[in-house]
Amino acid sequence: MGSLVSTLISLAAAGTMMLSAPLNQAAPQHDVDGTLFLVNRQWRVHQYYVPEHMRQAEVTGQIRTMREEAAAALEAMYDACKKEAKVTLTSVSGYRSYTKQNNIYQNKLNSVGSKAKADEYVARPGASEHQLGMAMDVGQKDKVNLSASFGSTKGGKWVRENCWRFGFILRYDEGWEDVTGYNFEPWHVRYVGLEAAEALHENPMPFETYLLGLREERLYAMIQGASAGEE
């Protein structure tokens, strides 16, 4: 792919730069209604964005609302954990609106006294994956506190090893803080679909890194197709 940039420039100059291809196909991280939309401290969701087709997942716990496909996957994952590990997982926090996230952030800011300190614990409004309706903070029955210790529980270990089977990833793994912008959160899973989840299980990396590679791969394929069409 060493000639990717030069190929892009030449195709753009010729007026053939992906005119017939949708942007979201090449850059799914920009499709807010897709499963691969990227949210972090740099890339945020609009304050008025509310996902469509949401429902409460039929699982034990508190805030259980997610997008339809994510809720169905969560139900399957919880059921499998109970059967395979004999552990009851619980939902702690699913969908959160922009306003709700702002309230959580302001409460933390008031308690710690500085934005720098608050940012260590809570995402700013618009910077939380929970607003997508694709993320869930997971707990284990009788152990629902969101702390790193969840990763050492039987349920936490099962989630790490098996969430990919249901289209989820452990979004903020240990050692990825410089890329994701967030501390290690073994309780936070994000639905990305079966294909992406399996790929990240086989080759673990931050979601941001995966999306960069996917975009390059798709752009290259589209360029190859455009070049072939000109011959």
C-alpha atoms as a PDB file:
ATOM      1  CA  MET A   1       0.000   0.000   0.000  1.00  0.00           C
ATOM      2  CA  GLY A   2       3.016   2.271  -0.342  1.00  0.00           C
ATOM      3  CA  SER A   3       1.566   4.027  -3.368  1.00  0.00           C
ATOM      4  CA  LEU A   4      -1.826   4.626  -1.713  1.00  0.00           C
ATOM      5  CA  VAL A   5      -1.409   8.396  -1.342  1.00  0.00           C
ATOM      6  CA  SER A   6      -0.156   8.921  -4.893  1.00  0.00           C
ATOM      7  CA  THR A   7      -2.984   6.786  -6.228  1.00  0.00           C
ATOM      8  CA  LEU A   8      -5.529   8.823  -4.282  1.00  0.00           C
ATOM      9  CA  ILE A   9      -4.107  12.067  -5.687  1.00  0.00           C
ATOM     10  CA  SER A  10      -4.122  10.815  -9.254  1.00  0.00           C
ATOM     11  CA  LEU A  11      -7.681   9.531  -9.003  1.00  0.00           C
ATOM     12  CA  ALA A  12      -8.869  12.772  -7.447  1.00  0.00           C
ATOM     13  CA  ALA A  13      -7.201  14.768 -10.223  1.00  0.00           C
ATOM     14  CA  ALA A  14      -8.935  12.605 -12.785  1.00  0.00           C
ATOM     15  CA  GLY A  15     -12.280  13.256 -11.132  1.00  0.00           C
ATOM     16  CA  THR A  16     -12.898   9.619 -10.308  1.00  0.00           C
ATOM     17  CA  MET A  17     -12.315   9.724  -6.545  1.00  0.00           C
ATOM     18  CA  MET A  18     -15.041   7.406  -5.200  1.00  0.00           C
ATOM     19  CA  LEU A  19     -17.865   9.483  -6.671  1.00  0.00           C
ATOM     20  CA  SER A  20     -20.245   6.549  -6.712  1.00  0.00           C
ATOM     21  CA  ALA A  21     -19.215   5.035  -3.358  1.00  0.00           C
ATOM     22  CA  PRO A  22     -20.827   6.105  -0.086  1.00  0.00           C
ATOM     23  CA  LEU A  23     -18.480   7.687   2.447  1.00  0.00           C
ATOM     24  CA  ASN A  24     -19.717   5.443   5.251  1.00  0.00           C
ATOM     25  CA  GLN A  25     -18.547   2.363   3.351  1.00  0.00           C
ATOM     26  CA  ALA A  26     -14.964   3.591   3.405  1.00  0.00           C
ATOM     27  CA  ALA A  27     -15.096   5.318   6.776  1.00  0.00           C
ATOM     28  CA  PRO A  28     -17.666   3.508   8.964  1.00  0.00           C
ATOM     29  CA  GLN A  29     -16.386   5.360  12.024  1.00  0.00           C
ATOM     30  CA  HIS A  30     -18.311   8.397  10.730  1.00  0.00           C
ATOM     31  CA  ASP A  31     -21.676   6.622  10.407  1.00  0.00           C
ATOM     32  CA  VAL A  32     -23.379   7.510  13.678  1.00  0.00           C
ATOM     33  CA  ASP A  33     -26.145   4.962  13.085  1.00  0.00           C
ATOM     34  CA  GLY A  34     -23.714   2.159  12.223  1.00  0.00           C
ATOM     35  CA  THR A  35     -22.124  -0.356  14.556  1.00  0.00           C
ATOM     36  CA  LEU A  36     -18.581   1.008  14.094  1.00  0.00           C
ATOM     37  CA  PHE A  37     -19.109   4.681  14.900  1.00  0.00           C
ATOM     38  CA  LEU A  38     -16.141   6.052  16.846  1.00  0.00           C
ATOM     39  CA  VAL A  39     -16.637   7.972  20.077  1.00  0.00           C
ATOM     40  CA  ASN A  40     -13.782   9.074  22.321  1.00  0.00           C
ATOM     41  CA  ARG A  41     -12.383  12.271  23.829  1.00  0.00           C
ATOM     42  CA  GLN A  42     -11.589  13.661  20.367  1.00  0.00           C
ATOM     43  CA  TRP A  43     -14.590  12.355  18.379  1.00  0.00           C
ATOM     44  CA  ARG A  44     -17.925  13.194  19.937  1.00  0.00           C
ATOM     45  CA  VAL A  45     -21.650  12.708  19.412  1.00  0.00           C
ATOM     46  CA  HIS A  46     -23.923  15.690  18.773  1.00  0.00           C
ATOM     47  CA  GLN A  47     -25.863  16.772  21.838  1.00  0.00           C
ATOM     48  CA  TYR A  48     -29.185  16.195  20.072  1.00  0.00           C
ATOM     49  CA  TYR A  49     -28.373  12.704  18.829  1.00  0.00           C
ATOM     50  CA  VAL A  50     -30.714   9.983  20.072  1.00  0.00           C
ATOM     51  CA  PRO A  51     -30.416   6.442  18.639  1.00  0.00           C
ATOM     52  CA  GLU A  52     -33.419   4.880  16.950  1.00  0.00           C
ATOM     53  CA  HIS A  53     -34.847   1.414  17.603  1.00  0.00           C
ATOM     54  CA  MET A  54     -33.938   1.132  21.270  1.00  0.00           C
ATOM     55  CA  ARG A  55     -35.468  -1.162  23.866  1.00  0.00           C
ATOM     56  CA  GLN A  56     -34.793  -2.534  27.315  1.00  0.00           C
ATOM     57  CA  ALA A  57     -32.691  -5.683  27.326  1.00  0.00           C
ATOM     58  CA  GLU A  58     -34.374  -8.553  29.132  1.00  0.00           C
ATOM     59  CA  VAL A  59     -31.577  -9.000  31.656  1.00  0.00           C
ATOM     60  CA  THR A  60     -31.052  -8.428  35.360  1.00  0.00           C
ATOM     61  CA  GLY A  61     -29.947  -4.968  36.358  1.00  0.00           C
ATOM     62  CA  GLN A  62     -30.597  -1.256  36.318  1.00  0.00           C
ATOM     63  CA  ILE A  63     -30.286   0.870  33.162  1.00  0.00           C
ATOM     64  CA  ARG A  64     -30.921  -1.757  30.487  1.00  0.00           C
ATOM     65  CA  THR A  65     -31.845   0.292  27.403  1.00  0.00           C
ATOM     66  CA  MET A  66     -29.758  -0.299  24.276  1.00  0.00           C
ATOM     67  CA  ARG A  67     -30.216  -0.370  20.524  1.00  0.00           C
ATOM     68  CA  GLU A  68     -32.232  -3.357  19.391  1.00  0.00           C
ATOM     69  CA  GLU A  69     -29.369  -5.449  17.998  1.00  0.00           C
ATOM     70  CA  ALA A  70     -27.097  -4.666  20.943  1.00  0.00           C
ATOM     71  CA  ALA A  71     -29.854  -5.544  23.426  1.00  0.00           C
ATOM     72  CA  ALA A  72     -30.455  -8.888  21.717  1.00  0.00           C
ATOM     73  CA  ALA A  73     -26.725  -9.655  21.754  1.00  0.00           C
ATOM     74  CA  LEU A  74     -26.487  -8.695  25.430  1.00  0.00           C
ATOM     75  CA  GLU A  75     -29.333 -11.066  26.301  1.00  0.00           C
ATOM     76  CA  ALA A  76     -27.598 -13.911  24.487  1.00  0.00           C
ATOM     77  CA  MET A  77     -24.297 -13.141  26.221  1.00  0.00           C
ATOM     78  CA  TYR A  78     -25.811 -13.020  29.705  1.00  0.00           C
ATOM     79  CA  ASP A  79     -27.679 -16.261  29.071  1.00  0.00           C
ATOM     80  CA  ALA A  80     -24.502 -17.999  27.879  1.00  0.00           C
ATOM     81  CA  CYS A  81     -22.514 -16.773  30.900  1.00  0.00           C
ATOM     82  CA  LYS A  82     -25.129 -18.166  33.266  1.00  0.00           C
ATOM     83  CA  LYS A  83     -25.110 -21.532  31.504  1.00  0.00           C
ATOM     84  CA  GLU A  84     -21.360 -21.838  30.980  1.00  0.00           C
ATOM     85  CA  ALA A  85     -19.881 -20.097  34.029  1.00  0.00           C
ATOM     86  CA  LYS A  86     -22.848 -20.339  36.412  1.00  0.00           C
ATOM     87  CA  VAL A  87     -22.597 -16.583  36.908  1.00  0.00           C
ATOM     88  CA  THR A  88     -25.407 -14.037  36.689  1.00  0.00           C
ATOM     89  CA  LEU A  89     -24.238 -10.869  34.975  1.00  0.00           C
ATOM     90  CA  THR A  90     -26.115  -7.633  35.619  1.00  0.00           C
ATOM     91  CA  SER A  91     -26.552  -4.437  33.650  1.00  0.00           C
ATOM     92  CA  VAL A  92     -25.330  -1.351  35.470  1.00  0.00           C
ATOM     93  CA  SER A  93     -25.620   1.347  32.824  1.00  0.00           C
ATOM     94  CA  GLY A  94     -26.651   1.161  29.175  1.00  0.00           C
ATOM     95  CA  TYR A  95     -27.955   4.127  27.166  1.00  0.00           C
ATOM     96  CA  ARG A  96     -27.343   7.604  28.553  1.00  0.00           C
ATOM     97  CA  SER A  97     -28.549  10.805  26.936  1.00  0.00           C
ATOM     98  CA  TYR A  98     -26.269  13.789  26.409  1.00  0.00           C
ATOM     99  CA  THR A  99     -28.047  15.548  29.271  1.00  0.00           C
ATOM    100  CA  LYS A 100     -27.624  12.589  31.600  1.00  0.00           C
ATOM    101  CA  GLN A 101     -23.909  12.379  30.801  1.00  0.00           C
ATOM    102  CA  ASN A 102     -23.558  16.110  31.391  1.00  0.00           C
ATOM    103  CA  ASN A 103     -25.167  15.740  34.815  1.00  0.00           C
ATOM    104  CA  ILE A 104     -22.818  12.876  35.715  1.00  0.00           C
ATOM    105  CA  TYR A 105     -19.803  14.879  34.571  1.00  0.00           C
ATOM    106  CA  GLN A 106     -20.864  18.019  36.444  1.00  0.00           C
ATOM    107  CA  ASN A 107     -21.415  16.027  39.650  1.00  0.00           C
ATOM    108  CA  LYS A 108     -17.935  14.548  39.373  1.00  0.00           C
ATOM    109  CA  LEU A 109     -16.459  17.962  38.575  1.00  0.00           C
ATOM    110  CA  ASN A 110     -18.105  19.436  41.659  1.00  0.00           C
ATOM    111  CA  SER A 111     -16.776  16.621  43.843  1.00  0.00           C
ATOM    112  CA  VAL A 112     -13.137  16.651  42.644  1.00  0.00           C
ATOM    113  CA  GLY A 113     -12.768  20.363  41.906  1.00  0.00           C
ATOM    114  CA  SER A 114     -10.975  20.314  38.543  1.00  0.00           C
ATOM    115  CA  LYS A 115     -11.717  19.287  34.960  1.00  0.00           C
ATOM    116  CA  ALA A 116      -8.394  17.463  34.718  1.00  0.00           C
ATOM    117  CA  LYS A 117      -9.317  15.289  37.681  1.00  0.00           C
ATOM    118  CA  ALA A 118     -12.921  14.796  36.563  1.00  0.00           C
ATOM    119  CA  ASP A 119     -11.709  13.666  33.134  1.00  0.00           C
ATOM    120  CA  GLU A 120      -9.836  10.804  34.761  1.00  0.00           C
ATOM    121  CA  TYR A 121     -13.114   9.251  35.877  1.00  0.00           C
ATOM    122  CA  VAL A 122     -15.974  10.424  33.666  1.00  0.00           C
ATOM    123  CA  ALA A 123     -16.426  11.131  29.966  1.00  0.00           C
ATOM    124  CA  ARG A 124     -17.551  14.605  29.046  1.00  0.00           C
ATOM    125  CA  PRO A 125     -21.015  14.935  27.460  1.00  0.00           C
ATOM    126  CA  GLY A 126     -20.853  13.811  23.843  1.00  0.00           C
ATOM    127  CA  ALA A 127     -17.703  11.782  24.470  1.00  0.00           C
ATOM    128  CA  SER A 128     -19.420   8.732  25.938  1.00  0.00           C
ATOM    129  CA  GLU A 129     -20.213   5.579  23.973  1.00  0.00           C
ATOM    130  CA  HIS A 130     -23.293   5.166  26.144  1.00  0.00           C
ATOM    131  CA  GLN A 131     -25.034   7.873  24.096  1.00  0.00           C
ATOM    132  CA  LEU A 132     -24.863   5.519  21.087  1.00  0.00           C
ATOM    133  CA  GLY A 133     -26.942   2.868  22.850  1.00  0.00           C
ATOM    134  CA  MET A 134     -24.221   0.346  21.949  1.00  0.00           C
ATOM    135  CA  ALA A 135     -22.339   0.176  25.260  1.00  0.00           C
ATOM    136  CA  MET A 136     -23.067  -1.496  28.583  1.00  0.00           C
ATOM    137  CA  ASP A 137     -21.362  -1.341  31.939  1.00  0.00           C
ATOM    138  CA  VAL A 138     -21.523  -4.917  33.182  1.00  0.00           C
ATOM    139  CA  GLY A 139     -21.514  -6.155  36.751  1.00  0.00           C
ATOM    140  CA  GLN A 140     -21.755  -9.523  38.445  1.00  0.00           C
ATOM    141  CA  LYS A 141     -24.627 -10.313  40.790  1.00  0.00           C
ATOM    142  CA  ASP A 142     -23.824  -9.028  44.292  1.00  0.00           C
ATOM    143  CA  LYS A 143     -20.702  -7.311  42.854  1.00  0.00           C
ATOM    144  CA  VAL A 144     -21.952  -4.434  40.742  1.00  0.00           C
ATOM    145  CA  ASN A 145     -19.445  -1.741  41.698  1.00  0.00           C
ATOM    146  CA  LEU A 146     -17.645  -0.439  38.632  1.00  0.00           C
ATOM    147  CA  SER A 147     -14.009  -0.994  39.530  1.00  0.00           C
ATOM    148  CA  ALA A 148     -10.970  -2.719  38.085  1.00  0.00           C
ATOM    149  CA  SER A 149     -11.610  -5.601  40.472  1.00  0.00           C
ATOM    150  CA  PHE A 150     -14.477  -6.736  38.227  1.00  0.00           C
ATOM    151  CA  GLY A 151     -11.836  -8.024  35.825  1.00  0.00           C
ATOM    152  CA  SER A 152     -10.716 -10.539  38.454  1.00  0.00           C
ATOM    153  CA  THR A 153     -14.182 -11.942  39.150  1.00  0.00           C
ATOM    154  CA  LYS A 154     -15.435 -15.108  37.505  1.00  0.00           C
ATOM    155  CA  GLY A 155     -17.930 -13.086  35.502  1.00  0.00           C
ATOM    156  CA  GLY A 156     -15.341 -10.502  34.488  1.00  0.00           C
ATOM    157  CA  LYS A 157     -12.970 -13.179  33.239  1.00  0.00           C
ATOM    158  CA  TRP A 158     -15.749 -14.867  31.284  1.00  0.00           C
ATOM    159  CA  VAL A 159     -16.751 -11.566  29.670  1.00  0.00           C
ATOM    160  CA  ARG A 160     -13.162 -10.876  28.595  1.00  0.00           C
ATOM    161  CA  GLU A 161     -12.792 -14.315  27.025  1.00  0.00           C
ATOM    162  CA  ASN A 162     -16.228 -14.630  25.452  1.00  0.00           C
ATOM    163  CA  CYS A 163     -17.881 -11.276  24.733  1.00  0.00           C
ATOM    164  CA  TRP A 164     -16.600 -11.332  21.136  1.00  0.00           C
ATOM    165  CA  ARG A 165     -18.815 -14.352  20.409  1.00  0.00           C
ATOM    166  CA  PHE A 166     -21.797 -12.014  20.735  1.00  0.00           C
ATOM    167  CA  GLY A 167     -20.404  -9.020  18.866  1.00  0.00           C
ATOM    168  CA  PHE A 168     -18.963  -7.136  21.859  1.00  0.00           C
ATOM    169  CA  ILE A 169     -15.456  -5.929  22.616  1.00  0.00           C
ATOM    170  CA  LEU A 170     -13.773  -4.900  25.854  1.00  0.00           C
ATOM    171  CA  ARG A 171     -13.409  -1.294  24.770  1.00  0.00           C
ATOM    172  CA  TYR A 172     -10.921   0.098  27.305  1.00  0.00           C
ATOM    173  CA  ASP A 173      -8.355  -2.581  27.973  1.00  0.00           C
ATOM    174  CA  GLU A 174      -5.293  -2.193  30.151  1.00  0.00           C
ATOM    175  CA  GLY A 175      -2.321  -0.679  28.340  1.00  0.00           C
ATOM    176  CA  TRP A 176      -4.420   1.120  25.730  1.00  0.00           C
ATOM    177  CA  GLU A 177      -4.990   4.310  27.697  1.00  0.00           C
ATOM    178  CA  ASP A 178      -2.806   6.494  25.448  1.00  0.00           C
ATOM    179  CA  VAL A 179      -4.907   5.497  22.423  1.00  0.00           C
ATOM    180  CA  THR A 180      -8.430   5.257  23.843  1.00  0.00           C
ATOM    181  CA  GLY A 181      -8.077   8.210  26.190  1.00  0.00           C
ATOM    182  CA  TYR A 182      -9.726   6.304  29.039  1.00  0.00           C
ATOM    183  CA  ASN A 183      -8.503   4.275  31.975  1.00  0.00           C
ATOM    184  CA  PHE A 184      -8.799   0.487  32.131  1.00  0.00           C
ATOM    185  CA  GLU A 185     -12.483  -0.475  32.406  1.00  0.00           C
ATOM    186  CA  PRO A 186     -13.014  -4.261  32.453  1.00  0.00           C
ATOM    187  CA  TRP A 187     -16.740  -3.692  32.934  1.00  0.00           C
ATOM    188  CA  HIS A 188     -17.362  -1.617  29.776  1.00  0.00           C
ATOM    189  CA  VAL A 189     -18.320  -3.582  26.660  1.00  0.00           C
ATOM    190  CA  ARG A 190     -19.186  -2.085  23.285  1.00  0.00           C
ATOM    191  CA  TYR A 191     -21.228  -3.746  20.565  1.00  0.00           C
ATOM    192  CA  VAL A 192     -19.441  -3.628  17.194  1.00  0.00           C
ATOM    193  CA  GLY A 193     -21.005  -6.624  15.407  1.00  0.00           C
ATOM    194  CA  LEU A 194     -19.766 -10.164  14.976  1.00  0.00           C
ATOM    195  CA  GLU A 195     -17.254  -9.522  12.177  1.00  0.00           C
ATOM    196  CA  ALA A 196     -15.357  -6.735  13.924  1.00  0.00           C
ATOM    197  CA  ALA A 197     -15.540  -8.432  17.317  1.00  0.00           C
ATOM    198  CA  GLU A 198     -14.054 -11.639  15.941  1.00  0.00           C
ATOM    199  CA  ALA A 199     -11.295  -9.724  14.144  1.00  0.00           C
ATOM    200  CA  LEU A 200     -10.370  -7.889  17.355  1.00  0.00           C
ATOM    201  CA  HIS A 201     -10.457 -11.121  19.327  1.00  0.00           C
ATOM    202  CA  GLU A 202      -8.013 -12.746  16.922  1.00  0.00           C
ATOM    203  CA  ASN A 203      -5.779  -9.665  16.781  1.00  0.00           C
ATOM    204  CA  PRO A 204      -6.324  -7.539  19.925  1.00  0.00           C
ATOM    205  CA  MET A 205      -5.843  -3.793  19.487  1.00  0.00           C
ATOM    206  CA  PRO A 206      -7.622  -0.565  20.423  1.00  0.00           C
ATOM    207  CA  PHE A 207     -10.805   0.092  18.456  1.00  0.00           C
ATOM    208  CA  GLU A 208      -9.242   3.295  17.108  1.00  0.00           C
ATOM    209  CA  THR A 209      -6.331   1.343  15.623  1.00  0.00           C
ATOM    210  CA  TYR A 210      -8.653  -1.238  14.100  1.00  0.00           C
ATOM    211  CA  LEU A 211     -10.738   1.462  12.407  1.00  0.00           C
ATOM    212  CA  LEU A 212      -7.670   3.103  10.883  1.00  0.00           C
ATOM    213  CA  GLY A 213      -6.632  -0.194   9.334  1.00  0.00           C
ATOM    214  CA  LEU A 214     -10.171  -0.924   8.141  1.00  0.00           C
ATOM    215  CA  ARG A 215     -10.463   2.474   6.479  1.00  0.00           C
ATOM    216  CA  GLU A 216      -7.163   2.017   4.661  1.00  0.00           C
ATOM    217  CA  GLU A 217      -8.162  -1.460   3.549  1.00  0.00           C
ATOM    218  CA  ARG A 218     -11.529  -0.319   2.210  1.00  0.00           C
ATOM    219  CA  LEU A 219     -10.101   2.745   0.488  1.00  0.00           C
ATOM    220  CA  TYR A 220      -7.487   0.595  -1.187  1.00  0.00           C
ATOM    221  CA  ALA A 221     -10.141  -1.836  -2.415  1.00  0.00           C
ATOM    222  CA  MET A 222     -12.252   1.024  -3.767  1.00  0.00           C
ATOM    223  CA  ILE A 223      -9.250   2.565  -5.507  1.00  0.00           C
ATOM    224  CA  GLN A 224      -8.369  -0.772  -7.063  1.00  0.00           C
ATOM    225  CA  GLY A 225     -11.933  -1.081  -8.305  1.00  0.00           C
ATOM    226  CA  ALA A 226     -11.897   2.446  -9.755  1.00  0.00           C
ATOM    227  CA  SER A 227      -8.552   1.810 -11.453  1.00  0.00           C
ATOM    228  CA  ALA A 228      -9.844  -1.432 -12.966  1.00  0.00           C
ATOM    229  CA  GLY A 229     -12.894   0.379 -14.297  1.00  0.00           C
ATOM    230  CA  GLU A 230     -10.700   2.837 -16.181  1.00  0.00           C
ATOM    231  CA  GLU A 231      -8.754   0.157 -18.017  1.00  0.00           C
END
